[in-house]
N, C-alpha and C. Protein backbone atom coordinates (compact mmCIF):
# COMPACT_ATOMS: atom_id res chain seq x y z
N MET A 1 0.82 -1.19 0.00
CA MET A 1 0.00 0.00 0.00
C MET A 1 0.87 1.26 0.00
N LYS A 2 2.05 1.15 0.61
CA LYS A 2 2.96 2.29 0.63
C LYS A 2 3.30 2.73 -0.79
N TYR A 3 3.54 1.76 -1.67
CA TYR A 3 3.91 2.09 -3.04
C TYR A 3 2.75 2.68 -3.83
N VAL A 4 1.53 2.33 -3.46
CA VAL A 4 0.35 2.94 -4.10
C VAL A 4 0.30 4.43 -3.75
N PHE A 5 0.49 4.74 -2.45
CA PHE A 5 0.48 6.14 -2.03
C PHE A 5 1.64 6.92 -2.65
N LEU A 6 2.81 6.30 -2.71
CA LEU A 6 3.95 6.98 -3.32
C LEU A 6 3.75 7.19 -4.82
N THR A 7 3.09 6.24 -5.47
CA THR A 7 2.79 6.39 -6.90
C THR A 7 1.79 7.52 -7.13
N VAL A 8 0.75 7.58 -6.31
CA VAL A 8 -0.22 8.68 -6.42
C VAL A 8 0.46 10.01 -6.13
N TRP A 9 1.33 10.02 -5.11
CA TRP A 9 2.08 11.24 -4.80
C TRP A 9 2.91 11.68 -6.01
N ALA A 10 3.60 10.72 -6.64
CA ALA A 10 4.43 11.05 -7.81
C ALA A 10 3.58 11.51 -8.98
N LEU A 11 2.41 10.88 -9.18
CA LEU A 11 1.53 11.28 -10.29
C LEU A 11 0.95 12.68 -10.09
N VAL A 12 0.85 13.12 -8.86
CA VAL A 12 0.35 14.47 -8.60
C VAL A 12 1.48 15.49 -8.63
N PHE A 13 2.58 15.20 -7.96
CA PHE A 13 3.60 16.22 -7.76
C PHE A 13 4.61 16.33 -8.90
N VAL A 14 4.85 15.30 -9.66
CA VAL A 14 5.79 15.42 -10.79
C VAL A 14 5.23 16.34 -11.88
N PRO A 15 3.95 16.16 -12.33
CA PRO A 15 3.43 17.11 -13.32
C PRO A 15 3.32 18.54 -12.78
N LEU A 16 2.94 18.69 -11.51
CA LEU A 16 2.87 20.04 -10.94
C LEU A 16 4.25 20.68 -10.89
N GLY A 17 5.27 19.90 -10.56
CA GLY A 17 6.64 20.42 -10.58
C GLY A 17 7.07 20.81 -11.98
N TRP A 18 6.66 20.04 -12.96
CA TRP A 18 6.99 20.38 -14.34
C TRP A 18 6.30 21.67 -14.76
N PHE A 19 5.02 21.81 -14.44
CA PHE A 19 4.28 23.04 -14.78
C PHE A 19 4.86 24.25 -14.06
N THR A 20 5.29 24.07 -12.84
CA THR A 20 5.91 25.17 -12.10
C THR A 20 7.22 25.58 -12.73
N SER A 21 8.02 24.61 -13.13
CA SER A 21 9.29 24.96 -13.77
C SER A 21 9.07 25.62 -15.12
N VAL A 22 8.05 25.21 -15.86
CA VAL A 22 7.73 25.86 -17.14
C VAL A 22 7.28 27.30 -16.90
N ALA A 23 6.46 27.52 -15.86
CA ALA A 23 6.01 28.88 -15.55
C ALA A 23 7.17 29.76 -15.14
N MET A 24 8.12 29.20 -14.39
CA MET A 24 9.29 29.99 -14.01
C MET A 24 10.19 30.26 -15.20
N TRP A 25 10.27 29.32 -16.13
CA TRP A 25 11.12 29.50 -17.30
C TRP A 25 10.53 30.55 -18.24
N LYS A 26 9.18 30.57 -18.38
CA LYS A 26 8.54 31.54 -19.27
C LYS A 26 8.56 32.95 -18.71
N ASN A 27 8.42 33.07 -17.40
CA ASN A 27 8.38 34.39 -16.79
C ASN A 27 9.26 34.40 -15.55
N PRO A 28 10.58 34.53 -15.73
CA PRO A 28 11.48 34.41 -14.58
C PRO A 28 11.42 35.60 -13.63
N GLY A 29 10.87 36.72 -14.05
CA GLY A 29 10.81 37.90 -13.19
C GLY A 29 9.59 37.94 -12.29
N SER A 30 8.67 37.02 -12.47
CA SER A 30 7.44 37.02 -11.69
C SER A 30 7.65 36.34 -10.34
N TYR A 31 7.28 37.04 -9.29
CA TYR A 31 7.45 36.45 -7.96
C TYR A 31 6.36 35.42 -7.65
N GLN A 32 5.23 35.44 -8.36
CA GLN A 32 4.17 34.47 -8.10
C GLN A 32 4.62 33.05 -8.42
N ALA A 33 5.41 32.88 -9.45
CA ALA A 33 5.90 31.55 -9.79
C ALA A 33 6.83 31.02 -8.69
N TYR A 34 7.63 31.90 -8.12
CA TYR A 34 8.53 31.49 -7.03
C TYR A 34 7.74 31.17 -5.76
N LEU A 35 6.69 31.95 -5.49
CA LEU A 35 5.83 31.65 -4.33
C LEU A 35 5.12 30.31 -4.52
N PHE A 36 4.64 30.06 -5.74
CA PHE A 36 3.98 28.79 -6.01
C PHE A 36 4.97 27.64 -5.87
N LEU A 37 6.20 27.85 -6.34
CA LEU A 37 7.23 26.82 -6.21
C LEU A 37 7.54 26.53 -4.74
N ALA A 38 7.63 27.57 -3.93
CA ALA A 38 7.91 27.38 -2.51
C ALA A 38 6.76 26.63 -1.84
N GLY A 39 5.52 27.01 -2.13
CA GLY A 39 4.37 26.31 -1.56
C GLY A 39 4.28 24.88 -2.04
N PHE A 40 4.55 24.69 -3.31
CA PHE A 40 4.53 23.36 -3.91
C PHE A 40 5.59 22.47 -3.27
N ALA A 41 6.80 23.00 -3.09
CA ALA A 41 7.87 22.22 -2.48
C ALA A 41 7.54 21.89 -1.02
N TYR A 42 6.95 22.84 -0.30
CA TYR A 42 6.58 22.61 1.10
C TYR A 42 5.54 21.51 1.22
N VAL A 43 4.48 21.59 0.44
CA VAL A 43 3.42 20.58 0.50
C VAL A 43 3.94 19.24 0.01
N GLY A 44 4.75 19.25 -1.04
CA GLY A 44 5.32 18.00 -1.54
C GLY A 44 6.21 17.31 -0.52
N PHE A 45 7.08 18.08 0.12
CA PHE A 45 7.98 17.50 1.11
C PHE A 45 7.21 16.96 2.32
N CYS A 46 6.27 17.76 2.84
CA CYS A 46 5.51 17.33 4.02
C CYS A 46 4.65 16.11 3.72
N SER A 47 4.02 16.07 2.56
CA SER A 47 3.19 14.92 2.24
C SER A 47 4.05 13.67 1.99
N PHE A 48 5.22 13.83 1.38
CA PHE A 48 6.12 12.70 1.18
C PHE A 48 6.58 12.14 2.53
N ARG A 49 6.97 13.03 3.45
CA ARG A 49 7.40 12.58 4.78
C ARG A 49 6.24 11.95 5.55
N LEU A 50 5.01 12.43 5.34
CA LEU A 50 3.84 11.85 6.01
C LEU A 50 3.61 10.42 5.51
N ILE A 51 3.76 10.20 4.21
CA ILE A 51 3.62 8.85 3.67
C ILE A 51 4.71 7.94 4.22
N GLN A 52 5.94 8.43 4.25
CA GLN A 52 7.03 7.64 4.82
C GLN A 52 6.80 7.33 6.29
N GLU A 53 6.33 8.31 7.03
CA GLU A 53 6.10 8.13 8.47
C GLU A 53 4.98 7.14 8.74
N GLY A 54 3.97 7.16 7.88
CA GLY A 54 2.85 6.24 8.06
C GLY A 54 3.23 4.79 7.88
N TYR A 55 4.24 4.53 7.10
CA TYR A 55 4.64 3.14 6.83
C TYR A 55 5.99 2.79 7.43
N ARG A 56 6.47 3.59 8.37
CA ARG A 56 7.73 3.30 9.04
C ARG A 56 7.51 2.20 10.06
N PRO A 57 8.41 1.23 10.13
CA PRO A 57 8.23 0.19 11.15
C PRO A 57 8.41 0.78 12.54
N LYS A 58 7.47 0.49 13.39
CA LYS A 58 7.49 1.03 14.75
C LYS A 58 8.19 0.05 15.68
N GLY A 59 9.14 0.56 16.44
CA GLY A 59 9.82 -0.25 17.44
C GLY A 59 9.01 -0.29 18.73
N LEU A 60 9.55 -0.96 19.72
CA LEU A 60 8.84 -1.12 20.98
C LEU A 60 8.66 0.22 21.70
N PHE A 61 9.70 1.05 21.71
CA PHE A 61 9.63 2.32 22.44
C PHE A 61 9.60 3.53 21.52
N GLU A 62 9.35 3.33 20.25
CA GLU A 62 9.35 4.42 19.30
C GLU A 62 7.96 5.03 19.19
N SER A 63 7.90 6.31 19.03
CA SER A 63 6.62 6.96 18.77
C SER A 63 6.66 7.55 17.37
N GLY A 64 5.52 7.56 16.72
CA GLY A 64 5.46 8.07 15.36
C GLY A 64 5.34 9.58 15.33
N ASN A 65 5.79 10.16 14.24
CA ASN A 65 5.70 11.60 14.03
C ASN A 65 4.69 11.94 12.93
N ALA A 66 3.71 11.09 12.69
CA ALA A 66 2.73 11.37 11.64
C ALA A 66 1.93 12.62 11.98
N GLY A 67 1.61 12.82 13.26
CA GLY A 67 0.89 14.02 13.67
C GLY A 67 1.67 15.29 13.40
N LEU A 68 2.97 15.21 13.53
CA LEU A 68 3.83 16.36 13.24
C LEU A 68 3.70 16.77 11.78
N TRP A 69 3.75 15.80 10.89
CA TRP A 69 3.69 16.12 9.47
C TRP A 69 2.30 16.58 9.04
N VAL A 70 1.26 16.04 9.69
CA VAL A 70 -0.11 16.52 9.40
C VAL A 70 -0.24 17.98 9.84
N CYS A 71 0.27 18.30 11.03
CA CYS A 71 0.19 19.68 11.52
C CYS A 71 1.02 20.62 10.64
N LEU A 72 2.17 20.15 10.19
CA LEU A 72 2.96 20.99 9.30
C LEU A 72 2.26 21.22 7.97
N LEU A 73 1.50 20.22 7.49
CA LEU A 73 0.72 20.42 6.28
C LEU A 73 -0.41 21.42 6.50
N LEU A 74 -1.01 21.41 7.69
CA LEU A 74 -2.13 22.30 7.98
C LEU A 74 -1.69 23.71 8.37
N LEU A 75 -0.43 23.89 8.71
CA LEU A 75 0.05 25.18 9.19
C LEU A 75 -0.20 26.33 8.22
N PRO A 76 0.00 26.17 6.91
CA PRO A 76 -0.29 27.30 6.01
C PRO A 76 -1.76 27.68 5.97
N LEU A 77 -2.66 26.77 6.37
CA LEU A 77 -4.08 27.12 6.39
C LEU A 77 -4.39 28.18 7.44
N CYS A 78 -3.49 28.40 8.37
CA CYS A 78 -3.68 29.46 9.37
C CYS A 78 -3.68 30.84 8.71
N MET A 79 -3.11 30.92 7.53
CA MET A 79 -3.02 32.21 6.86
C MET A 79 -4.30 32.59 6.11
N LEU A 80 -5.23 31.66 5.95
CA LEU A 80 -6.47 31.98 5.24
C LEU A 80 -7.28 33.07 5.92
N PRO A 81 -7.48 33.03 7.27
CA PRO A 81 -8.18 34.17 7.88
C PRO A 81 -7.40 35.47 7.74
N LEU A 82 -6.08 35.38 7.74
CA LEU A 82 -5.27 36.59 7.56
C LEU A 82 -5.47 37.15 6.15
N HIS A 83 -5.59 36.27 5.17
CA HIS A 83 -5.87 36.73 3.81
C HIS A 83 -7.26 37.37 3.74
N GLY A 84 -8.23 36.77 4.43
CA GLY A 84 -9.57 37.37 4.49
C GLY A 84 -9.54 38.73 5.17
N ALA A 85 -8.73 38.86 6.21
CA ALA A 85 -8.60 40.15 6.88
C ALA A 85 -7.97 41.18 5.95
N TYR A 86 -7.01 40.76 5.15
CA TYR A 86 -6.38 41.68 4.20
C TYR A 86 -7.38 42.15 3.15
N GLU A 87 -8.21 41.21 2.65
CA GLU A 87 -9.23 41.61 1.68
C GLU A 87 -10.23 42.55 2.30
N THR A 88 -10.60 42.32 3.56
CA THR A 88 -11.52 43.22 4.26
C THR A 88 -10.89 44.59 4.41
N TRP A 89 -9.61 44.62 4.73
CA TRP A 89 -8.90 45.89 4.88
C TRP A 89 -8.84 46.63 3.54
N GLN A 90 -8.66 45.91 2.44
CA GLN A 90 -8.62 46.55 1.13
C GLN A 90 -9.96 47.17 0.77
N ARG A 91 -11.05 46.45 1.08
CA ARG A 91 -12.38 46.99 0.79
C ARG A 91 -12.76 48.10 1.75
N GLY A 92 -12.26 48.01 2.97
CA GLY A 92 -12.58 49.00 3.97
C GLY A 92 -13.79 48.65 4.81
N VAL A 93 -14.59 47.72 4.35
CA VAL A 93 -15.79 47.33 5.09
C VAL A 93 -16.03 45.84 4.92
N TYR A 94 -16.80 45.29 5.85
CA TYR A 94 -17.25 43.91 5.71
C TYR A 94 -18.50 43.91 4.84
N VAL A 95 -18.51 43.08 3.82
CA VAL A 95 -19.65 43.01 2.90
C VAL A 95 -20.52 41.84 3.33
N PRO A 96 -21.75 42.11 3.80
CA PRO A 96 -22.63 41.01 4.23
C PRO A 96 -23.12 40.22 3.03
N SER A 97 -23.83 39.14 3.30
CA SER A 97 -24.30 38.27 2.23
C SER A 97 -25.24 39.04 1.31
N SER A 98 -25.27 38.65 0.04
CA SER A 98 -26.06 39.37 -0.95
C SER A 98 -27.55 39.12 -0.79
N SER A 99 -27.94 38.04 -0.12
CA SER A 99 -29.37 37.75 0.04
C SER A 99 -30.02 38.66 1.06
N GLY A 100 -29.22 39.25 1.94
CA GLY A 100 -29.78 40.16 2.93
C GLY A 100 -30.29 39.44 4.17
N ARG A 101 -30.31 38.13 4.16
CA ARG A 101 -30.76 37.36 5.32
C ARG A 101 -29.61 37.18 6.28
N ARG A 102 -29.88 37.38 7.55
CA ARG A 102 -28.84 37.24 8.57
C ARG A 102 -29.07 35.94 9.33
N THR A 103 -28.67 34.85 8.72
CA THR A 103 -28.92 33.56 9.34
C THR A 103 -27.70 32.99 10.04
N TYR A 104 -26.54 33.42 9.66
CA TYR A 104 -25.32 32.86 10.24
C TYR A 104 -24.87 33.71 11.41
N LEU A 105 -24.51 33.02 12.48
CA LEU A 105 -24.04 33.70 13.68
C LEU A 105 -22.75 34.47 13.40
N SER A 106 -21.88 33.91 12.56
CA SER A 106 -20.62 34.58 12.27
C SER A 106 -20.85 35.90 11.54
N SER A 107 -21.80 35.91 10.59
CA SER A 107 -22.06 37.16 9.88
C SER A 107 -22.69 38.19 10.81
N LEU A 108 -23.54 37.74 11.75
CA LEU A 108 -24.10 38.65 12.74
C LEU A 108 -23.00 39.22 13.63
N LEU A 109 -22.07 38.37 14.02
CA LEU A 109 -20.96 38.82 14.85
C LEU A 109 -20.09 39.82 14.10
N LEU A 110 -19.75 39.51 12.86
CA LEU A 110 -18.90 40.42 12.08
C LEU A 110 -19.59 41.75 11.79
N GLU A 111 -20.90 41.70 11.48
CA GLU A 111 -21.62 42.95 11.24
C GLU A 111 -21.74 43.77 12.52
N GLY A 112 -21.95 43.08 13.66
CA GLY A 112 -22.02 43.80 14.94
C GLY A 112 -20.69 44.43 15.29
N LEU A 113 -19.60 43.70 15.05
CA LEU A 113 -18.27 44.28 15.31
C LEU A 113 -17.99 45.44 14.38
N GLN A 114 -18.47 45.36 13.15
CA GLN A 114 -18.24 46.45 12.21
C GLN A 114 -18.97 47.71 12.67
N THR A 115 -20.19 47.56 13.19
CA THR A 115 -20.91 48.74 13.67
C THR A 115 -20.28 49.29 14.93
N LEU A 116 -19.66 48.41 15.74
CA LEU A 116 -19.04 48.85 16.98
C LEU A 116 -17.72 49.56 16.76
N VAL A 117 -16.83 48.94 16.00
CA VAL A 117 -15.48 49.50 15.81
C VAL A 117 -15.13 49.69 14.34
N GLU A 118 -16.13 49.99 13.54
CA GLU A 118 -15.95 50.23 12.10
C GLU A 118 -15.40 48.99 11.41
N HIS A 119 -14.59 49.16 10.37
CA HIS A 119 -14.12 48.01 9.59
C HIS A 119 -13.02 47.23 10.30
N TRP A 120 -12.55 47.70 11.43
CA TRP A 120 -11.51 46.97 12.15
C TRP A 120 -12.06 45.76 12.89
N GLY A 121 -13.36 45.70 13.14
CA GLY A 121 -13.95 44.58 13.86
C GLY A 121 -13.72 43.23 13.20
N PRO A 122 -14.14 43.07 11.93
CA PRO A 122 -13.88 41.79 11.26
C PRO A 122 -12.40 41.47 11.12
N ILE A 123 -11.59 42.49 10.93
CA ILE A 123 -10.15 42.25 10.80
C ILE A 123 -9.59 41.72 12.11
N ILE A 124 -10.01 42.27 13.23
CA ILE A 124 -9.53 41.81 14.53
C ILE A 124 -9.96 40.38 14.78
N VAL A 125 -11.20 40.04 14.44
CA VAL A 125 -11.68 38.67 14.63
C VAL A 125 -10.89 37.69 13.77
N MET A 126 -10.65 38.04 12.52
CA MET A 126 -9.91 37.14 11.64
C MET A 126 -8.46 36.98 12.09
N LEU A 127 -7.85 38.04 12.59
CA LEU A 127 -6.49 37.94 13.09
C LEU A 127 -6.43 37.07 14.35
N VAL A 128 -7.43 37.19 15.23
CA VAL A 128 -7.46 36.36 16.43
C VAL A 128 -7.63 34.89 16.04
N VAL A 129 -8.51 34.61 15.07
CA VAL A 129 -8.69 33.22 14.62
C VAL A 129 -7.40 32.68 14.03
N CYS A 130 -6.73 33.49 13.23
CA CYS A 130 -5.46 33.08 12.62
C CYS A 130 -4.42 32.78 13.69
N LEU A 131 -4.26 33.67 14.64
CA LEU A 131 -3.26 33.45 15.69
C LEU A 131 -3.62 32.29 16.60
N ALA A 132 -4.91 32.11 16.91
CA ALA A 132 -5.31 30.98 17.76
C ALA A 132 -5.04 29.65 17.07
N THR A 133 -5.34 29.57 15.78
CA THR A 133 -5.06 28.35 15.03
C THR A 133 -3.56 28.08 14.96
N LEU A 134 -2.79 29.12 14.75
CA LEU A 134 -1.34 28.99 14.69
C LEU A 134 -0.78 28.50 16.02
N VAL A 135 -1.22 29.08 17.12
CA VAL A 135 -0.74 28.66 18.44
C VAL A 135 -1.15 27.22 18.73
N PHE A 136 -2.38 26.85 18.36
CA PHE A 136 -2.84 25.48 18.57
C PHE A 136 -1.99 24.48 17.80
N LEU A 137 -1.77 24.74 16.51
CA LEU A 137 -0.99 23.81 15.70
C LEU A 137 0.46 23.75 16.15
N LEU A 138 1.04 24.88 16.54
CA LEU A 138 2.41 24.85 17.04
C LEU A 138 2.51 24.09 18.36
N GLY A 139 1.47 24.18 19.20
CA GLY A 139 1.45 23.38 20.43
C GLY A 139 1.38 21.89 20.14
N VAL A 140 0.58 21.52 19.15
CA VAL A 140 0.50 20.10 18.78
C VAL A 140 1.82 19.63 18.18
N ILE A 141 2.44 20.47 17.37
CA ILE A 141 3.74 20.11 16.80
C ILE A 141 4.77 19.93 17.91
N ARG A 142 4.77 20.83 18.89
CA ARG A 142 5.70 20.72 20.01
C ARG A 142 5.47 19.43 20.79
N HIS A 143 4.21 19.03 20.89
CA HIS A 143 3.88 17.78 21.59
C HIS A 143 4.46 16.58 20.84
N TYR A 144 4.37 16.59 19.51
CA TYR A 144 4.87 15.46 18.73
C TYR A 144 6.39 15.45 18.61
N ARG A 145 7.03 16.57 18.81
CA ARG A 145 8.49 16.61 18.69
C ARG A 145 9.20 16.11 19.93
N ARG A 146 8.49 15.91 21.03
CA ARG A 146 9.12 15.43 22.27
C ARG A 146 9.45 13.99 22.21
């Protein structure tokens, strides 16, 4: 089964690596290609190590580090609320749903914060979510590294 996962990994990451290198070759001055390459290399390395860790023979007193590699894979997802906060900052305001219905508690919270502290309310909430997720994942990583 290990070889099946490694084959699927190779079928996904080898063509993506080729497309990334072609994009960098066509436009070497673009920083987006380098950012994509860095993200691609990070996800590729972490997923490869996760597959290896999952099929590593476990000794009597050995503990696995699969949780470490899962947390390292999830770590960049902490930046999604930060990206949302940046988009909110660019617009200057939180844009509620287009239907006008206030059914979600999160949208009620964000709209209430916006009325209380202007457009900084949603940004503060998204930054707190980002930092809380980051601290949680780093704590789990620290637990697995012991």
